[in-house]
Amino acid sequence: MTSASELALACGGFLDAALAGQISHCDQQLPNDSVASAIKLDLPGGGFAWDKPLGASVAELMAATLSH
């Protein structure tokens, strides 16, 4: 199980790595859609987690974030 603070660290680390060009993928549609629909949800203890608008999914982004 991932705690909220661990999730915040994972999301922040993934975003930092992505912005630094340290993450790539094979241009697959599901991950593309997941990233395109993701929004940042600020957490009460600091940091953020990936969130989604109604009808969207960030499952692929969350899986990549946690595996990173």
N, C-alpha and C. Protein backbone atom coordinates (compact mmCIF):
# COMPACT_ATOMS: atom_id res chain seq x y z
N MET A 1 0.84 -1.18 0.00
CA MET A 1 0.00 0.00 0.00
C MET A 1 0.89 1.25 0.00
N THR A 2 0.48 2.22 -0.74
CA THR A 2 1.21 3.48 -0.84
C THR A 2 0.51 4.53 0.01
N SER A 3 1.26 5.19 0.87
CA SER A 3 0.69 6.25 1.70
C SER A 3 0.58 7.54 0.87
N ALA A 4 -0.16 8.51 1.41
CA ALA A 4 -0.32 9.78 0.71
C ALA A 4 1.03 10.48 0.53
N SER A 5 1.87 10.43 1.54
CA SER A 5 3.18 11.09 1.42
C SER A 5 4.07 10.38 0.39
N GLU A 6 4.00 9.06 0.33
CA GLU A 6 4.76 8.31 -0.67
C GLU A 6 4.24 8.62 -2.08
N LEU A 7 2.92 8.73 -2.21
CA LEU A 7 2.32 9.06 -3.50
C LEU A 7 2.75 10.45 -3.94
N ALA A 8 2.76 11.41 -3.03
CA ALA A 8 3.19 12.76 -3.36
C ALA A 8 4.64 12.77 -3.83
N LEU A 9 5.50 12.02 -3.17
CA LEU A 9 6.90 11.93 -3.58
C LEU A 9 7.03 11.28 -4.97
N ALA A 10 6.24 10.23 -5.20
CA ALA A 10 6.28 9.53 -6.48
C ALA A 10 5.81 10.44 -7.62
N CYS A 11 4.70 11.15 -7.41
CA CYS A 11 4.17 12.04 -8.45
C CYS A 11 5.14 13.18 -8.74
N GLY A 12 5.68 13.79 -7.69
CA GLY A 12 6.64 14.86 -7.89
C GLY A 12 7.90 14.39 -8.58
N GLY A 13 8.40 13.23 -8.19
CA GLY A 13 9.60 12.68 -8.81
C GLY A 13 9.39 12.33 -10.27
N PHE A 14 8.22 11.77 -10.57
CA PHE A 14 7.90 11.41 -11.95
C PHE A 14 7.81 12.67 -12.81
N LEU A 15 7.12 13.69 -12.32
CA LEU A 15 6.99 14.93 -13.08
C LEU A 15 8.35 15.58 -13.29
N ASP A 16 9.18 15.63 -12.27
CA ASP A 16 10.52 16.19 -12.41
C ASP A 16 11.32 15.44 -13.46
N ALA A 17 11.26 14.11 -13.42
CA ALA A 17 12.00 13.29 -14.38
C ALA A 17 11.47 13.51 -15.80
N ALA A 18 10.16 13.61 -15.95
CA ALA A 18 9.57 13.83 -17.27
C ALA A 18 9.98 15.19 -17.83
N LEU A 19 9.94 16.22 -17.01
CA LEU A 19 10.33 17.55 -17.46
C LEU A 19 11.82 17.65 -17.78
N ALA A 20 12.62 16.80 -17.14
CA ALA A 20 14.06 16.76 -17.41
C ALA A 20 14.41 15.88 -18.61
N GLY A 21 13.40 15.28 -19.25
CA GLY A 21 13.62 14.43 -20.40
C GLY A 21 14.20 13.07 -20.07
N GLN A 22 13.99 12.63 -18.84
CA GLN A 22 14.54 11.34 -18.40
C GLN A 22 13.56 10.19 -18.54
N ILE A 23 12.37 10.47 -19.04
CA ILE A 23 11.33 9.44 -19.20
C ILE A 23 10.86 9.47 -20.64
N SER A 24 10.68 8.30 -21.22
CA SER A 24 10.13 8.21 -22.57
C SER A 24 9.23 6.98 -22.65
N HIS A 25 8.44 6.92 -23.70
CA HIS A 25 7.62 5.73 -23.95
C HIS A 25 7.41 5.61 -25.45
N CYS A 26 6.73 4.57 -25.84
CA CYS A 26 6.60 4.21 -27.26
C CYS A 26 5.42 4.86 -27.96
N ASP A 27 4.97 6.01 -27.49
CA ASP A 27 3.86 6.74 -28.11
C ASP A 27 2.60 5.87 -28.24
N GLN A 28 2.25 5.21 -27.14
CA GLN A 28 1.04 4.38 -27.12
C GLN A 28 -0.17 5.23 -26.73
N GLN A 29 -1.33 4.92 -27.29
CA GLN A 29 -2.52 5.75 -27.12
C GLN A 29 -2.99 5.83 -25.66
N LEU A 30 -3.06 4.70 -24.94
CA LEU A 30 -3.57 4.74 -23.57
C LEU A 30 -2.72 5.60 -22.64
N PRO A 31 -1.40 5.45 -22.65
CA PRO A 31 -0.60 6.36 -21.81
C PRO A 31 -0.73 7.82 -22.26
N ASN A 32 -0.78 8.05 -23.56
CA ASN A 32 -0.97 9.42 -24.06
C ASN A 32 -2.26 10.02 -23.53
N ASP A 33 -3.34 9.27 -23.60
CA ASP A 33 -4.64 9.76 -23.12
C ASP A 33 -4.61 9.99 -21.62
N SER A 34 -3.96 9.11 -20.89
CA SER A 34 -3.87 9.22 -19.44
C SER A 34 -3.14 10.50 -19.04
N VAL A 35 -2.03 10.77 -19.69
CA VAL A 35 -1.26 11.98 -19.39
C VAL A 35 -2.04 13.22 -19.81
N ALA A 36 -2.68 13.17 -20.96
CA ALA A 36 -3.42 14.34 -21.46
C ALA A 36 -4.59 14.72 -20.56
N SER A 37 -5.20 13.75 -19.90
CA SER A 37 -6.37 14.05 -19.07
C SER A 37 -6.01 14.32 -17.61
N ALA A 38 -4.77 14.05 -17.22
CA ALA A 38 -4.38 14.18 -15.81
C ALA A 38 -4.36 15.63 -15.35
N ILE A 39 -4.78 15.82 -14.11
CA ILE A 39 -4.66 17.11 -13.44
C ILE A 39 -3.96 16.87 -12.10
N LYS A 40 -3.37 17.93 -11.57
CA LYS A 40 -2.68 17.82 -10.29
C LYS A 40 -3.64 18.17 -9.17
N LEU A 41 -3.73 17.29 -8.20
CA LEU A 41 -4.55 17.50 -7.01
C LEU A 41 -3.61 17.78 -5.85
N ASP A 42 -3.65 19.01 -5.32
CA ASP A 42 -2.80 19.36 -4.19
C ASP A 42 -3.25 18.58 -2.96
N LEU A 43 -2.30 18.00 -2.26
CA LEU A 43 -2.58 17.22 -1.06
C LEU A 43 -2.41 18.08 0.18
N PRO A 44 -3.22 17.85 1.22
CA PRO A 44 -3.17 18.66 2.44
C PRO A 44 -1.80 18.67 3.11
N GLY A 45 -1.07 17.57 3.04
CA GLY A 45 0.24 17.48 3.68
C GLY A 45 1.37 18.00 2.81
N GLY A 46 1.06 18.53 1.65
CA GLY A 46 2.06 19.00 0.71
C GLY A 46 2.19 18.06 -0.46
N GLY A 47 2.72 18.56 -1.53
CA GLY A 47 2.87 17.75 -2.73
C GLY A 47 1.54 17.64 -3.48
N PHE A 48 1.52 16.73 -4.43
CA PHE A 48 0.31 16.53 -5.23
C PHE A 48 0.19 15.07 -5.64
N ALA A 49 -0.98 14.73 -6.13
CA ALA A 49 -1.24 13.41 -6.71
C ALA A 49 -1.96 13.63 -8.03
N TRP A 50 -1.86 12.66 -8.90
CA TRP A 50 -2.60 12.74 -10.17
C TRP A 50 -4.08 12.55 -9.89
N ASP A 51 -4.89 13.34 -10.56
CA ASP A 51 -6.34 13.22 -10.47
C ASP A 51 -6.87 13.26 -11.89
N LYS A 52 -8.16 13.02 -12.02
CA LYS A 52 -8.76 12.96 -13.35
C LYS A 52 -10.11 13.66 -13.36
N PRO A 53 -10.48 14.21 -14.51
CA PRO A 53 -11.84 14.71 -14.65
C PRO A 53 -12.81 13.54 -14.82
N LEU A 54 -14.06 13.80 -14.58
CA LEU A 54 -15.10 12.78 -14.71
C LEU A 54 -15.04 12.14 -16.10
N GLY A 55 -15.04 10.83 -16.14
CA GLY A 55 -15.05 10.08 -17.39
C GLY A 55 -13.68 9.78 -17.97
N ALA A 56 -12.63 10.26 -17.32
CA ALA A 56 -11.28 10.01 -17.81
C ALA A 56 -10.59 9.00 -16.90
N SER A 57 -9.41 8.56 -17.30
CA SER A 57 -8.64 7.63 -16.50
C SER A 57 -7.18 8.08 -16.45
N VAL A 58 -6.59 7.97 -15.29
CA VAL A 58 -5.15 8.22 -15.15
C VAL A 58 -4.44 6.95 -14.67
N ALA A 59 -5.07 5.81 -14.86
CA ALA A 59 -4.52 4.55 -14.37
C ALA A 59 -3.14 4.27 -14.95
N GLU A 60 -2.97 4.49 -16.24
CA GLU A 60 -1.67 4.23 -16.87
C GLU A 60 -0.61 5.18 -16.33
N LEU A 61 -0.96 6.45 -16.14
CA LEU A 61 -0.03 7.42 -15.59
C LEU A 61 0.33 7.05 -14.15
N MET A 62 -0.65 6.65 -13.37
CA MET A 62 -0.40 6.28 -11.98
C MET A 62 0.50 5.04 -11.92
N ALA A 63 0.26 4.07 -12.79
CA ALA A 63 1.10 2.87 -12.82
C ALA A 63 2.55 3.23 -13.18
N ALA A 64 2.72 4.09 -14.18
CA ALA A 64 4.06 4.50 -14.57
C ALA A 64 4.73 5.30 -13.46
N THR A 65 3.95 6.15 -12.79
CA THR A 65 4.48 6.96 -11.69
C THR A 65 4.97 6.08 -10.56
N LEU A 66 4.17 5.12 -10.15
CA LEU A 66 4.54 4.26 -9.04
C LEU A 66 5.69 3.32 -9.40
N SER A 67 5.75 2.90 -10.64
CA SER A 67 6.86 2.02 -11.04
C SER A 67 8.16 2.80 -11.16
N HIS A 68 8.06 4.06 -11.49
CA HIS A 68 9.25 4.91 -11.60
C HIS A 68 9.87 5.07 -10.23
